[in-house]
Amino acid sequence: MAFNFGLANDYNVFVFGNMSLSNTDAEGRVAVGGNATLSNYGVGASITPLPPANTDPSFVINGTVNVTAGSNASGNTVVNPSSTIINYTMGNPNGLLIEGTPIDFAEAERYLKCASNFWSTLAPNGTGEVVFNQLNLIGTDATLNIFSLDSSNLYGTGISLAQLNGINIIAPLSATILINVDGTAIQYGSYQIFRNGTAATRENARRILWNFPQALTWSNSTTAIYGSVLAPFAAANTTFSQINGNIIFDSFSGNAESHNELFIGELPEATVCLLTTTSTTTSTTTSTTTSTTTSTTTSTTTSTTTSTTTSTTTSTTTSTTTSSTTTTTTTTTTTTTSTTSTSTTTTQAPVPRSQAITDLLVSVALQQAALSHILNAEGEKIQKILSFDNLTSETILQTNRSVESMVNSISNLEVILTDKISLFKACKCNDIRE
């Protein structure tokens, strides 16, 4: 399975804030970063194979717990130790109600909001048209087809997402489909989604991602959504409908079914959104000791150790030691006349030093360019929202919070980039062959 959604990758439903649902279920794992208010709600009934008993964090709640009836069929319900439990009468046939913090919700939210913006900036290579109020999305790439939509004005027709009578995604079945949808208030109508002219299947859904980087509200009542839904800034409300895929919202309410068709498509990695520090140390130590006595002994040991550690994702250590010893003895009586010890440390790189530094500086420049695109997108979002008629203060506050969150994430990345550049302030490469 591709690792596109970070900490949320294995969760059918992942909500940063509060979730309030009743009389429905999520077939896969569920994670709630805020308060969980649930009634007759099911979790994990379609996780296969069934995890070993008492091992899987199938249902994670970070805030207040008010859960009545329902069942967690696959594993443990894990509650933050500081959470208040108002009610918990959910059954746990394959697990327990335990305390813990298996998910860093703040980091998951930071990454996914950044990734949503990053994927929204990718250039579309697919085309679209509206024919008799049906939206046709047409792509020919065998690997990845990207579409960009304005939810209120689809391909310049003036028709909104809510006014359609159907959506037909026409592209190779094995290809990943990324559909970027602009707009702060998303609403689906009542219609069917097709794949190459026939009704979309749950298997089709595994390679489709609907990305809503600007959405502050997201609603659907009767349309079955085929594909994962990434709307990390949105308060979502759904009734009498279903979503097939990973479901990622800021908050979530209603009674829609969540089908465990996790995304397996291949998206460009959002490298600018990864908080990664790299530490590399290379050292070579040579020590030679010579003692002259009635017997002569010469020992030479060369030890080379290379250690590379990359935090967050990879830790690798490689150690190589070569030792050579030759001993000649002429008598059993020894007298030491002199001892000399020399230690030399040198640094070796697998590529020319000047080229390595150039590559690192280029990588910083590329990341800065990507950050500027994200900031520009945030500015355009604000301008778009402020142009709306009947703008409410709550909408403005929600916009401000979403932009503030993104700016804070970018500030953290800027600190890392500054630290990278500072490594080379005093660096001089007088010899280009270094």
Protein backbone atom coordinates (compact mmCIF):
# COMPACT_ATOMS: atom_id res chain seq x y z
CA MET A 1 0.00 0.00 0.00
CA ALA A 2 1.25 3.49 -0.83
CA PHE A 3 2.02 5.77 2.10
CA ASN A 4 0.29 8.94 0.94
CA PHE A 5 -1.55 10.14 4.04
CA GLY A 6 1.14 9.79 6.68
CA LEU A 7 -0.20 8.90 10.13
CA ALA A 8 -3.73 8.68 8.71
CA ASN A 9 -2.82 6.19 6.00
CA ASP A 10 -4.37 3.10 7.61
CA TYR A 11 -7.49 4.81 8.94
CA ASN A 12 -10.84 4.65 7.15
CA VAL A 13 -11.96 7.79 9.04
CA PHE A 14 -9.49 10.37 10.38
CA VAL A 15 -10.80 13.58 11.98
CA PHE A 16 -8.62 16.30 13.52
CA GLY A 17 -11.41 17.76 15.65
CA ASN A 18 -14.81 16.56 16.87
CA MET A 19 -16.88 13.74 15.39
CA SER A 20 -20.59 13.22 15.98
CA LEU A 21 -22.28 10.29 14.16
CA SER A 22 -25.17 7.94 14.86
CA ASN A 23 -26.78 4.80 13.47
CA THR A 24 -24.01 4.04 10.99
CA ASP A 25 -20.53 2.53 10.84
CA ALA A 26 -16.98 2.74 9.54
CA GLU A 27 -15.78 -0.54 8.09
CA GLY A 28 -12.15 0.28 8.92
CA ARG A 29 -10.17 2.04 11.63
CA VAL A 30 -11.30 5.37 13.09
CA ALA A 31 -9.26 8.17 14.70
CA VAL A 32 -10.76 11.26 16.37
CA GLY A 33 -8.46 14.09 17.44
CA GLY A 34 -11.21 15.89 19.39
CA ASN A 35 -14.40 14.78 21.12
CA ALA A 36 -16.25 11.65 19.99
CA THR A 37 -20.04 11.73 20.36
CA LEU A 38 -21.35 8.50 18.88
CA SER A 39 -24.52 6.49 19.15
CA ASN A 40 -24.99 2.98 17.76
CA TYR A 41 -21.76 3.31 15.77
CA GLY A 42 -19.68 0.44 14.42
CA VAL A 43 -15.91 0.31 13.87
CA GLY A 44 -13.66 -2.12 12.00
CA ALA A 45 -16.06 -4.84 10.90
CA SER A 46 -14.30 -5.21 7.53
CA ILE A 47 -10.66 -5.18 8.61
CA THR A 48 -9.16 -8.38 7.20
CA PRO A 49 -7.38 -10.36 8.33
CA LEU A 50 -8.63 -9.77 11.87
CA PRO A 51 -5.70 -8.43 13.95
CA PRO A 52 -4.55 -10.48 16.96
CA ALA A 53 -6.75 -9.78 19.98
CA ASN A 54 -5.93 -6.72 22.10
CA THR A 55 -3.24 -5.43 19.72
CA ASP A 56 -4.77 -3.12 17.11
CA PRO A 57 -5.54 0.58 17.87
CA SER A 58 -8.68 0.35 15.76
CA PHE A 59 -10.49 3.24 17.44
CA VAL A 60 -8.47 6.16 18.81
CA ILE A 61 -10.05 9.09 20.70
CA ASN A 62 -8.00 12.08 21.81
CA GLY A 63 -10.79 14.12 23.48
CA THR A 64 -13.96 13.58 25.49
CA VAL A 65 -15.62 10.18 25.06
CA ASN A 66 -19.40 9.92 24.80
CA VAL A 67 -19.99 6.60 23.02
CA THR A 68 -23.17 4.59 23.51
CA ALA A 69 -23.92 1.20 21.96
CA GLY A 70 -22.25 -0.04 18.78
CA SER A 71 -19.15 -2.21 18.51
CA ASN A 72 -15.41 -2.03 17.85
CA ALA A 73 -15.10 -5.35 16.05
CA SER A 74 -11.37 -5.46 15.33
CA GLY A 75 -9.27 -4.23 18.25
CA ASN A 76 -8.70 -1.82 21.09
CA THR A 77 -10.41 1.49 21.76
CA VAL A 78 -7.55 3.75 22.84
CA VAL A 79 -8.40 6.87 24.86
CA ASN A 80 -6.05 9.69 25.81
CA PRO A 81 -5.17 9.40 29.54
CA SER A 82 -6.37 12.99 30.06
CA SER A 83 -9.73 12.42 28.32
CA THR A 84 -13.06 12.58 30.15
CA ILE A 85 -15.26 9.53 29.64
CA ILE A 86 -18.92 10.53 29.84
CA ASN A 87 -20.22 7.25 28.41
CA TYR A 88 -18.65 4.18 26.88
CA THR A 89 -20.92 1.20 26.25
CA MET A 90 -19.42 0.09 22.93
CA GLY A 91 -18.62 -3.60 22.66
CA ASN A 92 -15.01 -4.75 22.14
CA PRO A 93 -15.13 -8.43 21.10
CA ASN A 94 -11.49 -8.45 19.92
CA GLY A 95 -9.98 -5.83 22.20
CA LEU A 96 -10.20 -3.62 25.26
CA LEU A 97 -10.81 -0.04 26.31
CA ILE A 98 -7.31 1.20 27.18
CA GLU A 99 -5.42 4.46 27.68
CA GLY A 100 -2.69 5.67 25.35
CA THR A 101 -1.62 8.14 22.68
CA PRO A 102 -0.72 6.06 19.60
CA ILE A 103 -1.27 8.97 17.18
CA ASP A 104 0.31 12.44 17.11
CA PHE A 105 -2.79 14.27 15.88
CA ALA A 106 -1.05 17.66 15.69
CA GLU A 107 1.63 16.28 13.38
CA ALA A 108 -0.93 14.39 11.29
CA GLU A 109 -2.98 17.57 10.85
CA ARG A 110 0.08 19.66 9.96
CA TYR A 111 1.26 17.19 7.33
CA LEU A 112 -2.13 16.54 5.71
CA LYS A 113 -3.05 20.22 5.43
CA CYS A 114 0.32 20.90 3.83
CA ALA A 115 0.00 17.86 1.52
CA SER A 116 -3.49 18.89 0.41
CA ASN A 117 -2.16 22.28 -0.64
CA PHE A 118 0.87 20.70 -2.29
CA TRP A 119 -1.18 18.27 -4.39
CA SER A 120 -3.55 21.09 -5.39
CA THR A 121 -0.66 22.92 -7.08
CA LEU A 122 0.17 20.03 -9.42
CA ALA A 123 -0.48 20.86 -13.06
CA PRO A 124 -3.55 19.10 -14.48
CA ASN A 125 -2.98 16.73 -17.39
CA GLY A 126 -6.61 15.69 -17.78
CA THR A 127 -9.49 17.60 -19.38
CA GLY A 128 -13.15 18.02 -18.51
CA GLU A 129 -16.47 18.85 -20.05
CA VAL A 130 -20.10 19.13 -18.98
CA VAL A 131 -22.53 17.45 -21.40
CA PHE A 132 -26.25 17.48 -20.56
CA ASN A 133 -25.31 18.30 -16.95
CA GLN A 134 -22.98 15.30 -16.67
CA LEU A 135 -19.37 16.05 -15.84
CA ASN A 136 -16.93 13.99 -17.92
CA LEU A 137 -13.34 13.89 -16.66
CA ILE A 138 -11.05 12.55 -19.39
CA GLY A 139 -7.47 11.38 -18.83
CA THR A 140 -5.14 9.25 -20.93
CA ASP A 141 -2.06 8.87 -18.74
CA ALA A 142 -1.39 5.27 -17.71
CA THR A 143 0.01 6.32 -14.32
CA LEU A 144 -1.48 9.56 -12.98
CA ASN A 145 -4.32 11.75 -14.23
CA ILE A 146 -4.82 15.13 -12.53
CA PHE A 147 -7.95 17.25 -12.85
CA SER A 148 -8.62 20.75 -11.52
CA LEU A 149 -12.21 21.88 -10.91
CA ASP A 150 -13.98 24.99 -9.70
CA SER A 151 -16.86 23.58 -7.66
CA SER A 152 -19.16 26.53 -8.48
CA ASN A 153 -18.23 26.89 -12.16
CA LEU A 154 -17.23 23.56 -13.70
CA TYR A 155 -15.00 24.15 -16.73
CA GLY A 156 -16.55 27.58 -17.36
CA THR A 157 -20.12 26.31 -17.77
CA GLY A 158 -21.56 28.08 -14.74
CA ILE A 159 -22.79 24.71 -13.46
CA SER A 160 -21.85 23.78 -9.91
CA LEU A 161 -20.99 20.43 -8.38
CA ALA A 162 -24.43 20.40 -6.75
CA GLN A 163 -26.26 20.89 -10.08
CA LEU A 164 -24.86 17.88 -11.92
CA ASN A 165 -26.79 14.74 -12.73
CA GLY A 166 -23.71 12.51 -12.91
CA ILE A 167 -19.90 12.29 -13.02
CA ASN A 168 -18.03 9.99 -15.43
CA ILE A 169 -14.28 9.47 -14.88
CA ILE A 170 -12.77 8.23 -18.14
CA ALA A 171 -9.15 7.05 -17.75
CA PRO A 172 -7.12 3.80 -17.57
CA LEU A 173 -8.46 1.69 -14.69
CA SER A 174 -4.95 1.10 -13.32
CA ALA A 175 -4.12 4.82 -13.19
CA THR A 176 -4.24 7.06 -10.12
CA ILE A 177 -6.90 9.78 -10.35
CA LEU A 178 -6.33 13.07 -8.48
CA ILE A 179 -9.28 15.48 -8.59
CA ASN A 180 -8.48 18.90 -7.10
CA VAL A 181 -11.68 20.80 -6.32
CA ASP A 182 -11.54 24.52 -5.48
CA GLY A 183 -14.18 26.23 -3.39
CA THR A 184 -14.82 26.94 0.28
CA ALA A 185 -18.35 25.53 0.44
CA ILE A 186 -18.62 22.09 -1.18
CA GLN A 187 -21.96 20.46 -1.79
CA TYR A 188 -22.71 17.40 -3.89
CA GLY A 189 -26.06 16.91 -5.56
CA SER A 190 -27.93 13.63 -5.93
CA TYR A 191 -26.41 11.54 -8.71
CA GLN A 192 -24.20 8.60 -9.61
CA ILE A 193 -20.47 8.40 -10.24
CA PHE A 194 -19.29 6.32 -13.22
CA ARG A 195 -15.93 4.88 -14.23
CA ASN A 196 -15.41 4.61 -18.00
CA GLY A 197 -19.15 4.71 -18.60
CA THR A 198 -20.24 2.08 -16.10
CA ALA A 199 -21.20 2.43 -12.45
CA ALA A 200 -18.06 2.90 -10.32
CA THR A 201 -17.16 0.00 -8.04
CA ARG A 202 -15.55 -0.12 -4.62
CA GLU A 203 -12.39 -1.46 -6.25
CA ASN A 204 -12.32 1.57 -8.59
CA ALA A 205 -12.45 3.84 -5.53
CA ARG A 206 -9.04 2.70 -4.28
CA ARG A 207 -7.18 4.76 -6.89
CA ILE A 208 -9.24 7.97 -6.76
CA LEU A 209 -8.57 10.96 -4.49
CA TRP A 210 -10.90 13.95 -4.21
CA ASN A 211 -8.81 16.80 -2.78
CA PHE A 212 -10.54 19.91 -1.36
CA PRO A 213 -7.72 22.26 -0.24
CA GLN A 214 -9.96 25.31 0.26
CA ALA A 215 -13.13 23.76 1.65
CA LEU A 216 -14.38 25.06 4.97
CA THR A 217 -17.70 23.21 4.71
CA TRP A 218 -18.35 19.90 2.93
CA SER A 219 -21.76 18.28 2.61
CA ASN A 220 -23.34 15.33 0.85
CA SER A 221 -26.73 13.75 1.34
CA THR A 222 -27.40 11.02 -1.20
CA THR A 223 -24.46 10.62 -3.59
CA ALA A 224 -22.18 7.62 -3.07
CA ILE A 225 -18.65 9.04 -3.29
CA TYR A 226 -16.16 6.67 -4.92
CA GLY A 227 -12.66 7.63 -3.89
CA SER A 228 -10.88 8.96 -0.83
CA VAL A 229 -11.85 12.43 0.39
CA LEU A 230 -9.20 14.83 1.70
CA ALA A 231 -10.78 18.03 3.05
CA PRO A 232 -8.51 18.85 6.00
CA PHE A 233 -9.96 22.32 6.71
CA ALA A 234 -13.62 21.36 6.36
CA ALA A 235 -16.48 20.83 8.74
CA ALA A 236 -18.22 17.90 7.02
CA ASN A 237 -21.85 16.90 7.31
CA THR A 238 -23.27 13.85 5.56
CA THR A 239 -26.66 12.13 5.64
CA PHE A 240 -27.93 8.90 4.07
CA SER A 241 -24.87 8.48 1.87
CA GLN A 242 -21.58 6.62 1.70
CA ILE A 243 -17.91 7.38 1.10
CA ASN A 244 -15.61 4.67 -0.25
CA GLY A 245 -12.02 5.34 0.78
CA ASN A 246 -9.92 7.23 3.30
CA ILE A 247 -11.98 10.04 4.82
CA ILE A 248 -10.10 13.02 6.27
CA PHE A 249 -11.94 16.05 7.69
CA ASP A 250 -11.40 18.75 10.28
CA SER A 251 -14.72 17.80 11.89
CA PHE A 252 -17.37 15.25 10.92
CA SER A 253 -21.09 14.88 11.70
CA GLY A 254 -24.11 13.02 10.30
CA ASN A 255 -24.79 9.38 9.57
CA ALA A 256 -22.95 8.44 6.36
CA GLU A 257 -21.39 5.00 5.94
CA SER A 258 -17.61 4.80 5.62
CA HIS A 259 -16.40 1.92 3.45
CA ASN A 260 -12.89 0.63 4.04
CA GLU A 261 -11.51 0.98 0.49
CA LEU A 262 -8.17 2.53 1.48
CA PHE A 263 -6.31 4.54 -1.14
CA ILE A 264 -3.60 2.59 -3.00
CA GLY A 265 -2.85 5.12 -5.74
CA GLU A 266 0.58 6.65 -6.24
CA LEU A 267 0.76 10.42 -5.69
CA PRO A 268 3.86 12.62 -5.99
CA GLU A 269 5.48 12.68 -2.57
CA ALA A 270 4.82 15.94 -0.70
CA THR A 271 8.48 16.27 0.30
CA VAL A 272 8.08 19.93 1.28
CA CYS A 273 5.67 18.79 3.99
CA LEU A 274 8.05 16.32 5.62
CA LEU A 275 9.80 17.55 8.75
CA THR A 276 13.04 15.61 8.36
CA THR A 277 16.46 16.29 9.79
CA THR A 278 19.52 14.56 8.44
CA SER A 279 22.71 14.03 10.41
CA THR A 280 25.73 12.50 8.70
CA THR A 281 29.08 11.75 10.34
CA THR A 282 32.01 10.19 8.55
CA SER A 283 35.29 9.59 10.34
CA THR A 284 38.47 7.68 9.68
CA THR A 285 40.91 7.06 12.54
CA THR A 286 44.38 5.61 12.11
CA SER A 287 46.41 4.71 15.18
CA THR A 288 49.97 3.33 15.02
CA THR A 289 51.96 2.24 18.08
CA THR A 290 55.54 0.94 17.86
CA SER A 291 57.53 -0.50 20.77
CA THR A 292 61.22 -1.49 20.45
CA THR A 293 62.53 -4.11 22.89
CA THR A 294 64.74 -7.19 22.84
CA SER A 295 61.85 -8.50 20.78
CA THR A 296 60.33 -6.40 18.03
CA THR A 297 56.55 -6.12 17.71
CA THR A 298 54.77 -4.12 15.03
CA SER A 299 51.00 -3.69 15.17
CA THR A 300 48.98 -1.61 12.79
CA THR A 301 45.25 -1.18 13.16
CA THR A 302 43.05 0.82 10.82
CA SER A 303 39.44 1.42 11.76
CA THR A 304 36.92 3.16 9.59
CA THR A 305 33.42 3.85 10.82
CA THR A 306 30.69 5.50 8.83
CA SER A 307 27.43 6.35 10.54
CA THR A 308 24.45 7.93 8.85
CA THR A 309 21.22 8.69 10.67
CA THR A 310 18.12 10.23 9.18
CA SER A 311 15.49 11.08 11.77
CA THR A 312 11.75 10.44 11.39
CA THR A 313 11.85 7.65 8.86
CA THR A 314 15.20 5.86 8.56
CA SER A 315 18.05 4.93 10.84
CA THR A 316 21.00 3.16 9.26
CA THR A 317 24.39 2.32 10.73
CA THR A 318 27.24 0.79 8.79
CA SER A 319 30.47 -0.19 10.46
CA THR A 320 33.61 -1.59 8.79
CA THR A 321 36.75 -2.56 10.70
CA THR A 322 39.98 -3.91 9.22
CA SER A 323 42.75 -5.11 11.52
CA SER A 324 46.19 -6.46 10.59
CA THR A 325 48.75 -7.63 13.19
CA THR A 326 52.25 -9.12 12.72
CA THR A 327 54.32 -10.26 15.71
CA THR A 328 57.95 -11.44 15.83
CA THR A 329 59.43 -12.62 19.16
CA THR A 330 63.15 -13.25 19.76
CA THR A 331 63.31 -13.44 23.56
CA THR A 332 61.04 -13.62 26.58
CA THR A 333 62.67 -10.64 28.33
CA THR A 334 61.32 -7.24 27.16
CA THR A 335 62.56 -3.73 27.77
CA THR A 336 60.58 -0.81 26.41
CA THR A 337 62.69 1.97 24.97
CA SER A 338 60.13 4.20 23.25
CA THR A 339 56.43 4.52 22.50
CA THR A 340 54.94 6.72 19.81
CA SER A 341 51.21 7.18 19.21
CA THR A 342 49.71 9.10 16.30
CA SER A 343 45.97 9.70 15.72
CA THR A 344 44.64 11.27 12.53
CA THR A 345 41.01 12.03 11.69
CA THR A 346 39.91 12.77 8.15
CA THR A 347 36.53 13.21 6.47
CA GLN A 348 35.60 11.43 3.32
CA ALA A 349 32.48 11.89 1.19
CA PRO A 350 31.04 9.56 -1.41
CA VAL A 351 30.73 12.47 -3.83
CA PRO A 352 32.93 15.55 -4.37
CA ARG A 353 32.49 17.92 -1.44
CA SER A 354 31.67 20.92 -3.57
CA GLN A 355 29.01 18.97 -5.46
CA ALA A 356 27.41 17.72 -2.22
CA ILE A 357 27.16 21.28 -0.90
CA THR A 358 25.73 22.51 -4.19
CA ASP A 359 23.11 19.76 -4.16
CA LEU A 360 22.04 20.62 -0.63
CA LEU A 361 21.73 24.32 -1.43
CA VAL A 362 19.71 23.52 -4.55
CA SER A 363 17.37 21.36 -2.46
CA VAL A 364 16.84 24.28 -0.06
CA ALA A 365 16.03 26.56 -3.00
CA LEU A 366 13.51 24.09 -4.40
CA GLN A 367 11.80 23.74 -1.03
CA GLN A 368 11.65 27.53 -0.69
CA ALA A 369 9.99 27.75 -4.10
CA ALA A 370 7.40 25.17 -3.07
CA LEU A 371 6.68 27.07 0.15
CA SER A 372 6.14 30.26 -1.83
CA HIS A 373 3.55 28.48 -3.99
CA ILE A 374 1.69 27.33 -0.88
CA LEU A 375 1.70 30.84 0.60
CA ASN A 376 0.45 32.22 -2.69
CA ALA A 377 -2.39 29.68 -2.67
CA GLU A 378 -3.34 30.77 0.85
CA GLY A 379 -3.44 34.40 -0.31
CA GLU A 380 -5.68 33.52 -3.24
CA LYS A 381 -7.95 31.61 -0.86
CA ILE A 382 -8.40 34.71 1.31
CA GLN A 383 -9.09 36.92 -1.71
CA LYS A 384 -11.68 34.45 -3.02
CA ILE A 385 -13.52 34.23 0.29
CA LEU A 386 -13.56 37.99 0.84
CA SER A 387 -15.18 38.43 -2.57
CA PHE A 388 -18.26 36.42 -1.54
CA ASP A 389 -21.59 38.12 -0.95
CA ASN A 390 -23.27 37.74 2.45
CA LEU A 391 -19.97 36.83 4.05
CA THR A 392 -20.45 35.88 7.71
CA SER A 393 -18.06 36.53 10.56
CA GLU A 394 -17.88 32.78 11.27
CA THR A 395 -16.66 32.10 7.73
CA ILE A 396 -13.99 34.78 8.12
CA LEU A 397 -12.86 33.31 11.45
CA GLN A 398 -12.70 29.79 9.98
CA THR A 399 -10.66 31.10 7.07
CA ASN A 400 -8.31 32.89 9.42
CA ARG A 401 -7.79 29.75 11.50
CA SER A 402 -7.04 27.60 8.46
CA VAL A 403 -4.57 30.13 7.03
CA GLU A 404 -2.93 30.63 10.43
CA SER A 405 -2.43 26.88 10.78
CA MET A 406 -0.76 26.66 7.38
CA VAL A 407 1.48 29.69 8.02
CA ASN A 408 2.62 28.17 11.33
CA SER A 409 3.51 24.93 9.56
CA ILE A 410 5.49 26.81 6.94
CA SER A 411 7.29 28.78 9.67
CA ASN A 412 8.46 25.49 11.21
CA LEU A 413 9.80 24.39 7.84
CA GLU A 414 11.59 27.72 7.37
CA VAL A 415 13.47 27.17 10.63
CA ILE A 416 14.75 23.83 9.34
CA LEU A 417 15.81 25.36 6.02
CA THR A 418 17.62 28.17 7.87
CA ASP A 419 19.49 25.58 9.94
CA LYS A 420 20.51 23.78 6.74
CA ILE A 421 21.93 26.95 5.17
CA SER A 422 23.77 27.90 8.37
CA LEU A 423 25.84 24.71 8.05
CA PHE A 424 27.67 26.26 5.08
CA LYS A 425 28.15 29.89 6.19
CA ALA A 426 31.84 29.40 6.80
CA CYS A 427 32.34 26.89 4.03
CA LYS A 428 34.91 27.57 1.31
CA CYS A 429 35.68 25.25 -1.54
CA ASN A 430 38.94 26.71 -2.91
CA ASP A 431 39.62 23.61 -4.97
CA ILE A 432 36.71 22.62 -7.17
CA ARG A 433 38.06 19.06 -7.11
CA GLU A 434 37.46 18.80 -3.33
